[in-house]
N, C-alpha and C. Protein backbone atom coordinates (compact mmCIF):
# COMPACT_ATOMS: atom_id res chain seq x y z
N UNK A 1 0.81 -1.19 0.00
CA UNK A 1 0.00 0.00 0.00
C UNK A 1 0.86 1.25 0.00
N UNK A 2 1.96 1.20 0.61
CA UNK A 2 2.82 2.39 0.62
C UNK A 2 3.32 2.78 -0.76
N UNK A 3 3.71 1.90 -1.58
CA UNK A 3 4.18 2.34 -2.89
C UNK A 3 3.10 3.03 -3.70
N UNK A 4 1.83 2.70 -3.50
CA UNK A 4 0.78 3.36 -4.26
C UNK A 4 0.59 4.80 -3.82
N UNK A 5 0.75 5.07 -2.56
CA UNK A 5 0.55 6.42 -2.05
C UNK A 5 1.60 7.34 -2.66
N UNK A 6 2.82 6.90 -2.75
CA UNK A 6 3.88 7.72 -3.32
C UNK A 6 3.64 8.00 -4.79
N UNK A 7 3.00 7.11 -5.51
CA UNK A 7 2.76 7.29 -6.92
C UNK A 7 1.55 8.17 -7.19
N UNK A 8 0.60 8.19 -6.30
CA UNK A 8 -0.60 8.94 -6.53
C UNK A 8 -0.51 10.39 -6.07
N UNK A 9 0.53 10.73 -5.43
CA UNK A 9 0.66 12.11 -4.95
C UNK A 9 0.91 13.04 -6.12
N UNK A 10 0.26 14.15 -6.09
CA UNK A 10 0.49 15.08 -7.21
C UNK A 10 1.87 15.70 -7.09
N UNK A 11 2.53 15.85 -8.20
CA UNK A 11 3.86 16.47 -8.22
C UNK A 11 3.76 17.79 -8.95
N UNK A 12 4.54 18.70 -8.50
CA UNK A 12 4.54 20.02 -9.11
C UNK A 12 5.81 20.19 -9.94
N UNK A 13 5.67 20.55 -11.17
CA UNK A 13 6.82 20.76 -12.04
C UNK A 13 7.37 22.16 -11.81
N UNK A 14 8.69 22.27 -11.78
CA UNK A 14 9.33 23.57 -11.61
C UNK A 14 9.53 24.21 -12.97
N UNK A 15 9.11 25.44 -13.07
CA UNK A 15 9.37 26.19 -14.29
C UNK A 15 10.77 26.78 -14.20
N UNK A 16 11.47 26.79 -15.28
CA UNK A 16 12.79 27.45 -15.23
C UNK A 16 12.59 28.95 -15.05
N UNK A 17 13.46 29.59 -14.31
CA UNK A 17 13.29 31.03 -14.09
C UNK A 17 13.51 31.81 -15.40
N UNK A 18 12.65 32.76 -15.66
CA UNK A 18 12.70 33.51 -16.92
C UNK A 18 13.81 34.57 -16.91
N UNK A 19 14.26 34.97 -15.76
CA UNK A 19 15.22 36.06 -15.69
C UNK A 19 16.64 35.64 -16.07
N UNK A 20 16.98 34.34 -15.96
CA UNK A 20 18.34 33.90 -16.31
C UNK A 20 18.62 34.06 -17.81
N UNK A 21 17.77 33.57 -18.70
CA UNK A 21 18.04 33.80 -20.13
C UNK A 21 17.95 35.29 -20.49
N UNK A 22 17.07 36.02 -19.82
CA UNK A 22 16.95 37.45 -20.09
C UNK A 22 18.21 38.19 -19.65
N UNK A 23 18.74 37.82 -18.49
CA UNK A 23 19.98 38.45 -18.01
C UNK A 23 21.15 38.13 -18.94
N UNK A 24 21.21 36.90 -19.43
CA UNK A 24 22.27 36.52 -20.36
C UNK A 24 22.15 37.32 -21.66
N UNK A 25 20.94 37.45 -22.18
CA UNK A 25 20.74 38.21 -23.42
C UNK A 25 21.11 39.68 -23.23
N UNK A 26 20.70 40.27 -22.11
CA UNK A 26 21.03 41.67 -21.84
C UNK A 26 22.54 41.86 -21.69
N UNK A 27 23.19 40.92 -21.00
CA UNK A 27 24.65 40.99 -20.83
C UNK A 27 25.37 40.90 -22.16
N UNK A 28 24.93 39.97 -23.01
CA UNK A 28 25.57 39.82 -24.33
C UNK A 28 25.32 41.05 -25.21
N UNK A 29 24.13 41.62 -25.16
CA UNK A 29 23.85 42.84 -25.93
C UNK A 29 24.69 44.01 -25.44
N UNK A 30 24.85 44.12 -24.12
CA UNK A 30 25.68 45.20 -23.57
C UNK A 30 27.14 45.02 -24.00
N UNK A 31 27.62 43.79 -24.00
CA UNK A 31 29.00 43.53 -24.42
C UNK A 31 29.19 43.86 -25.90
N UNK A 32 28.21 43.50 -26.74
CA UNK A 32 28.28 43.84 -28.16
C UNK A 32 28.25 45.36 -28.36
N UNK A 33 27.46 46.04 -27.56
CA UNK A 33 27.43 47.50 -27.64
C UNK A 33 28.77 48.11 -27.27
N UNK A 34 29.40 47.57 -26.24
CA UNK A 34 30.73 48.05 -25.84
C UNK A 34 31.75 47.82 -26.96
N UNK A 35 31.71 46.64 -27.56
CA UNK A 35 32.65 46.35 -28.65
C UNK A 35 32.39 47.27 -29.85
N UNK A 36 31.12 47.52 -30.16
CA UNK A 36 30.79 48.44 -31.25
C UNK A 36 31.28 49.85 -30.97
N UNK A 37 31.07 50.32 -29.75
CA UNK A 37 31.54 51.66 -29.38
C UNK A 37 33.07 51.75 -29.46
N UNK A 38 33.75 50.72 -28.98
CA UNK A 38 35.21 50.71 -29.03
C UNK A 38 35.71 50.68 -30.46
N UNK A 39 35.02 49.96 -31.33
CA UNK A 39 35.45 49.88 -32.72
C UNK A 39 35.29 51.22 -33.44
N UNK A 40 34.36 52.04 -33.01
CA UNK A 40 34.13 53.32 -33.67
C UNK A 40 34.85 54.46 -32.95
N UNK A 41 34.70 54.56 -31.63
CA UNK A 41 35.19 55.73 -30.90
C UNK A 41 36.31 55.42 -29.93
N UNK A 42 36.82 54.23 -29.89
CA UNK A 42 37.86 53.88 -28.93
C UNK A 42 39.22 54.45 -29.32
N UNK A 43 40.24 54.13 -28.53
CA UNK A 43 41.59 54.62 -28.79
C UNK A 43 42.12 54.16 -30.14
N UNK A 44 41.75 52.98 -30.59
CA UNK A 44 42.21 52.45 -31.87
C UNK A 44 41.06 52.27 -32.85
N UNK A 45 39.99 53.05 -32.67
CA UNK A 45 38.81 52.93 -33.50
C UNK A 45 38.92 53.68 -34.81
N UNK A 46 37.80 53.68 -35.53
CA UNK A 46 37.75 54.31 -36.85
C UNK A 46 37.96 55.81 -36.75
N UNK A 47 37.36 56.45 -35.75
CA UNK A 47 37.46 57.90 -35.64
C UNK A 47 38.87 58.36 -35.27
N UNK A 48 39.63 57.56 -34.54
CA UNK A 48 40.98 57.98 -34.14
C UNK A 48 42.04 57.53 -35.14
N UNK A 49 41.64 56.94 -36.24
CA UNK A 49 42.59 56.49 -37.25
C UNK A 49 43.35 57.67 -37.86
N UNK A 50 42.66 58.78 -38.12
CA UNK A 50 43.33 59.95 -38.70
C UNK A 50 44.36 60.53 -37.74
N UNK A 51 44.04 60.57 -36.46
CA UNK A 51 45.00 61.07 -35.47
C UNK A 51 46.21 60.15 -35.39
N UNK A 52 45.99 58.86 -35.48
CA UNK A 52 47.10 57.91 -35.45
C UNK A 52 47.99 58.10 -36.68
N UNK A 53 47.37 58.29 -37.86
CA UNK A 53 48.16 58.50 -39.08
C UNK A 53 48.92 59.82 -39.01
N UNK A 54 48.32 60.85 -38.43
CA UNK A 54 49.03 62.12 -38.27
C UNK A 54 50.22 61.97 -37.33
N UNK A 55 50.04 61.23 -36.25
CA UNK A 55 51.16 60.97 -35.33
C UNK A 55 52.27 60.19 -36.02
N UNK A 56 51.88 59.23 -36.85
CA UNK A 56 52.87 58.44 -37.58
C UNK A 56 53.67 59.34 -38.52
N UNK A 57 52.98 60.27 -39.21
CA UNK A 57 53.67 61.16 -40.13
C UNK A 57 54.63 62.09 -39.38
N UNK A 58 54.19 62.61 -38.22
CA UNK A 58 55.06 63.48 -37.42
C UNK A 58 56.30 62.71 -36.98
N UNK A 59 56.12 61.47 -36.56
CA UNK A 59 57.25 60.67 -36.11
C UNK A 59 58.18 60.32 -37.27
N UNK A 60 57.62 60.09 -38.47
CA UNK A 60 58.46 59.82 -39.64
C UNK A 60 59.29 61.06 -39.99
N UNK A 61 58.66 62.24 -39.93
CA UNK A 61 59.39 63.48 -40.22
C UNK A 61 60.51 63.69 -39.20
N UNK A 62 60.19 63.46 -37.94
CA UNK A 62 61.21 63.62 -36.89
C UNK A 62 62.34 62.62 -37.07
N UNK A 63 61.97 61.39 -37.46
CA UNK A 63 62.98 60.36 -37.69
C UNK A 63 63.89 60.74 -38.85
N UNK A 64 63.33 61.28 -39.93
CA UNK A 64 64.16 61.68 -41.07
C UNK A 64 65.06 62.85 -40.71
N UNK A 65 64.56 63.79 -39.90
CA UNK A 65 65.39 64.92 -39.46
C UNK A 65 66.54 64.43 -38.59
N UNK A 66 66.25 63.50 -37.69
CA UNK A 66 67.30 62.95 -36.85
C UNK A 66 68.30 62.13 -37.66
N UNK A 67 67.82 61.44 -38.69
CA UNK A 67 68.72 60.67 -39.55
C UNK A 67 69.64 61.60 -40.33
N UNK A 68 69.11 62.75 -40.78
CA UNK A 68 69.96 63.73 -41.47
C UNK A 68 71.02 64.28 -40.53
N UNK A 69 70.64 64.52 -39.28
CA UNK A 69 71.61 65.00 -38.29
C UNK A 69 72.68 63.94 -38.02
N UNK A 70 72.26 62.69 -37.92
CA UNK A 70 73.21 61.60 -37.71
C UNK A 70 74.16 61.50 -38.90
N UNK A 71 73.62 61.62 -40.13
CA UNK A 71 74.47 61.58 -41.31
C UNK A 71 75.47 62.72 -41.33
N UNK A 72 75.03 63.91 -40.89
CA UNK A 72 75.94 65.06 -40.82
C UNK A 72 77.07 64.81 -39.84
N UNK A 73 76.72 64.28 -38.66
CA UNK A 73 77.76 63.99 -37.68
C UNK A 73 78.69 62.88 -38.17
N UNK A 74 78.14 61.89 -38.84
CA UNK A 74 78.96 60.81 -39.38
C UNK A 74 79.93 61.34 -40.42
N UNK A 75 79.44 62.25 -41.26
CA UNK A 75 80.31 62.85 -42.29
C UNK A 75 81.42 63.66 -41.64
N UNK A 76 81.09 64.49 -40.66
CA UNK A 76 82.12 65.28 -39.97
C UNK A 76 83.10 64.38 -39.24
N UNK A 77 82.60 63.29 -38.69
CA UNK A 77 83.47 62.35 -38.01
C UNK A 77 84.42 61.69 -39.01
N UNK A 78 83.92 61.36 -40.20
CA UNK A 78 84.79 60.75 -41.20
C UNK A 78 85.84 61.73 -41.69
N UNK A 79 85.54 63.03 -41.67
CA UNK A 79 86.55 64.02 -42.05
C UNK A 79 87.67 64.12 -41.02
N UNK A 80 87.38 63.76 -39.78
CA UNK A 80 88.39 63.82 -38.72
C UNK A 80 89.16 62.51 -38.58
N UNK A 81 89.00 61.61 -39.53
CA UNK A 81 89.70 60.34 -39.52
C UNK A 81 91.20 60.61 -39.60
N UNK A 82 92.01 60.06 -38.70
CA UNK A 82 93.45 60.35 -38.71
C UNK A 82 94.15 59.91 -39.99
N UNK A 83 93.61 58.95 -40.70
CA UNK A 83 94.25 58.50 -41.94
C UNK A 83 93.98 59.45 -43.10
N UNK A 84 92.85 60.17 -43.04
CA UNK A 84 92.46 61.04 -44.15
C UNK A 84 92.12 62.43 -43.64
N UNK A 85 93.01 63.08 -42.98
CA UNK A 85 92.73 64.40 -42.42
C UNK A 85 92.68 65.44 -43.54
N UNK A 86 91.63 66.24 -43.52
CA UNK A 86 91.50 67.35 -44.46
C UNK A 86 92.20 68.56 -43.83
N UNK A 87 93.16 69.15 -44.51
CA UNK A 87 93.90 70.27 -43.91
C UNK A 87 93.00 71.45 -43.57
N UNK A 88 91.98 71.70 -44.36
CA UNK A 88 91.08 72.82 -44.08
C UNK A 88 90.32 72.60 -42.77
N UNK A 89 89.86 71.38 -42.55
CA UNK A 89 89.12 71.07 -41.33
C UNK A 89 90.05 71.17 -40.12
N UNK A 90 91.27 70.66 -40.26
CA UNK A 90 92.22 70.73 -39.15
C UNK A 90 92.52 72.19 -38.81
N UNK A 91 92.74 73.01 -39.84
CA UNK A 91 93.01 74.44 -39.62
C UNK A 91 91.82 75.12 -38.97
N UNK A 92 90.64 74.82 -39.44
CA UNK A 92 89.43 75.43 -38.88
C UNK A 92 89.28 75.07 -37.40
N UNK A 93 89.44 73.80 -37.07
CA UNK A 93 89.29 73.38 -35.69
C UNK A 93 90.39 73.96 -34.79
N UNK A 94 91.60 74.02 -35.30
CA UNK A 94 92.70 74.57 -34.51
C UNK A 94 92.47 76.05 -34.23
N UNK A 95 92.03 76.79 -35.22
CA UNK A 95 91.75 78.22 -35.02
C UNK A 95 90.60 78.41 -34.03
N UNK A 96 89.60 77.57 -34.13
CA UNK A 96 88.46 77.70 -33.22
C UNK A 96 88.87 77.38 -31.79
N UNK A 97 89.68 76.34 -31.62
CA UNK A 97 90.09 75.96 -30.27
C UNK A 97 91.07 76.96 -29.66
N UNK A 98 91.95 77.53 -30.50
CA UNK A 98 92.95 78.48 -29.99
C UNK A 98 92.44 79.92 -30.01
N UNK A 99 91.26 80.12 -30.59
CA UNK A 99 90.67 81.46 -30.68
C UNK A 99 91.62 82.41 -31.41
N UNK A 100 92.10 81.96 -32.58
CA UNK A 100 93.04 82.75 -33.37
C UNK A 100 92.54 82.84 -34.80
N UNK A 101 93.07 83.81 -35.53
CA UNK A 101 92.72 83.99 -36.93
C UNK A 101 93.91 84.53 -37.68
N UNK A 102 93.91 84.38 -39.00
CA UNK A 102 94.93 84.96 -39.86
C UNK A 102 94.59 86.42 -40.12
N UNK A 103 95.60 87.16 -40.58
CA UNK A 103 95.38 88.58 -40.91
C UNK A 103 94.49 88.72 -42.13
N UNK A 104 94.46 87.72 -42.99
CA UNK A 104 93.66 87.79 -44.22
C UNK A 104 92.21 87.35 -44.00
N UNK A 105 91.90 86.82 -42.85
CA UNK A 105 90.55 86.31 -42.60
C UNK A 105 89.57 87.44 -42.35
N UNK A 106 88.34 87.22 -42.79
CA UNK A 106 87.23 88.12 -42.49
C UNK A 106 86.35 87.40 -41.48
N UNK A 107 86.21 87.98 -40.31
CA UNK A 107 85.44 87.36 -39.26
C UNK A 107 84.07 88.01 -39.16
N UNK A 108 83.06 87.18 -39.11
CA UNK A 108 81.69 87.66 -38.95
C UNK A 108 81.12 86.95 -37.74
N UNK A 109 80.75 87.74 -36.73
CA UNK A 109 80.15 87.16 -35.53
C UNK A 109 78.68 86.90 -35.82
N UNK A 110 78.25 85.68 -35.57
CA UNK A 110 76.89 85.27 -35.88
C UNK A 110 76.21 84.83 -34.59
N UNK A 111 74.98 85.30 -34.40
CA UNK A 111 74.19 84.88 -33.26
C UNK A 111 73.70 83.45 -33.53
N UNK A 112 74.04 82.47 -32.68
CA UNK A 112 73.66 81.08 -32.96
C UNK A 112 72.15 80.86 -32.97
N UNK A 113 71.42 81.66 -32.22
CA UNK A 113 69.96 81.45 -32.14
C UNK A 113 69.27 81.89 -33.43
N UNK A 114 69.69 83.02 -33.98
CA UNK A 114 69.01 83.55 -35.17
C UNK A 114 69.77 83.29 -36.46
N UNK A 115 71.09 83.10 -36.37
CA UNK A 115 71.89 82.90 -37.57
C UNK A 115 72.21 84.20 -38.28
N UNK A 116 71.93 85.33 -37.66
CA UNK A 116 72.19 86.63 -38.27
C UNK A 116 73.44 87.24 -37.64
N UNK A 117 74.11 88.12 -38.39
CA UNK A 117 75.30 88.78 -37.84
C UNK A 117 74.97 89.62 -36.61
N UNK A 118 75.88 89.64 -35.65
CA UNK A 118 75.67 90.38 -34.41
C UNK A 118 75.94 91.86 -34.62
N UNK A 119 77.00 92.17 -35.33
CA UNK A 119 77.40 93.56 -35.52
C UNK A 119 76.59 94.21 -36.63
N UNK A 120 76.25 95.48 -36.44
CA UNK A 120 75.54 96.21 -37.48
C UNK A 120 76.47 96.67 -38.57
N UNK A 121 77.78 96.66 -38.34
CA UNK A 121 78.75 97.09 -39.35
C UNK A 121 78.73 96.16 -40.55
N UNK A 122 78.50 94.88 -40.33
CA UNK A 122 78.45 93.94 -41.44
C UNK A 122 77.28 94.27 -42.36
N UNK A 123 76.14 94.62 -41.79
CA UNK A 123 74.98 94.99 -42.59
C UNK A 123 75.27 96.27 -43.39
N UNK A 124 75.99 97.22 -42.78
CA UNK A 124 76.35 98.44 -43.49
C UNK A 124 77.26 98.12 -44.66
N UNK A 125 78.20 97.18 -44.49
CA UNK A 125 79.09 96.78 -45.56
C UNK A 125 78.28 96.19 -46.72
N UNK A 126 77.31 95.35 -46.40
CA UNK A 126 76.48 94.76 -47.46
C UNK A 126 75.69 95.85 -48.17
N UNK A 127 75.11 96.79 -47.40
CA UNK A 127 74.34 97.87 -48.01
C UNK A 127 75.21 98.73 -48.92
N UNK A 128 76.47 99.05 -48.48
CA UNK A 128 77.37 99.84 -49.30
C UNK A 128 77.70 99.12 -50.61
N UNK A 129 77.95 97.83 -50.54
CA UNK A 129 78.25 97.07 -51.74
C UNK A 129 77.05 97.05 -52.68
N UNK A 130 75.84 96.89 -52.14
CA UNK A 130 74.64 96.89 -52.98
C UNK A 130 74.44 98.24 -53.65
N UNK A 131 74.70 99.32 -52.91
CA UNK A 131 74.55 100.66 -53.50
C UNK A 131 75.54 100.84 -54.63
N UNK A 132 76.77 100.39 -54.49
CA UNK A 132 77.78 100.49 -55.55
C UNK A 132 77.35 99.71 -56.78
N UNK A 133 76.78 98.52 -56.57
CA UNK A 133 76.32 97.70 -57.71
C UNK A 133 75.17 98.41 -58.43
N UNK A 134 74.26 98.97 -57.64
CA UNK A 134 73.11 99.65 -58.25
C UNK A 134 73.56 100.90 -59.01
N UNK A 135 74.50 101.64 -58.44
CA UNK A 135 74.99 102.85 -59.10
C UNK A 135 75.78 102.51 -60.35
N UNK A 136 76.50 101.38 -60.35
CA UNK A 136 77.30 100.99 -61.51
C UNK A 136 76.40 100.56 -62.65
N UNK A 137 75.26 99.97 -62.37
CA UNK A 137 74.35 99.52 -63.42
C UNK A 137 73.17 100.47 -63.46
N UNK A 138 73.13 101.29 -64.50
CA UNK A 138 72.07 102.31 -64.59
C UNK A 138 70.74 101.73 -65.05
N UNK A 139 70.72 100.48 -65.50
CA UNK A 139 69.45 99.90 -65.99
C UNK A 139 68.58 99.44 -64.83
N UNK A 140 69.12 99.33 -63.63
CA UNK A 140 68.31 98.86 -62.49
C UNK A 140 67.39 99.91 -62.01
């Protein structure tokens, strides 16, 4: 008799909770939204591609300028090679180090920041020479 009682009892079926699949769907949609936003507006997205290319171009320009400077230093270094010393370079460096000049030399003091002559007398010399050229040629 006992086995019949256990079989005749009504059983209640459990429904699966509806919020678990809904939470999974919402989570996946939010993750897809995040990926979409990152693909368009993120640090490496479509909108920042132009800024990245501009940075690349600036770095390439800087790299080429530095390479030109390196080449210049390499060239000057090769001129100071003890096996192939250029007499003009040796004379120039010796005069610069000893702070001396020949009587035939014309010295022009140049401001390193601007690259222009420091003394106004040099500008007057240039102006005088230009006036002589203009006066000599009457067609100007």
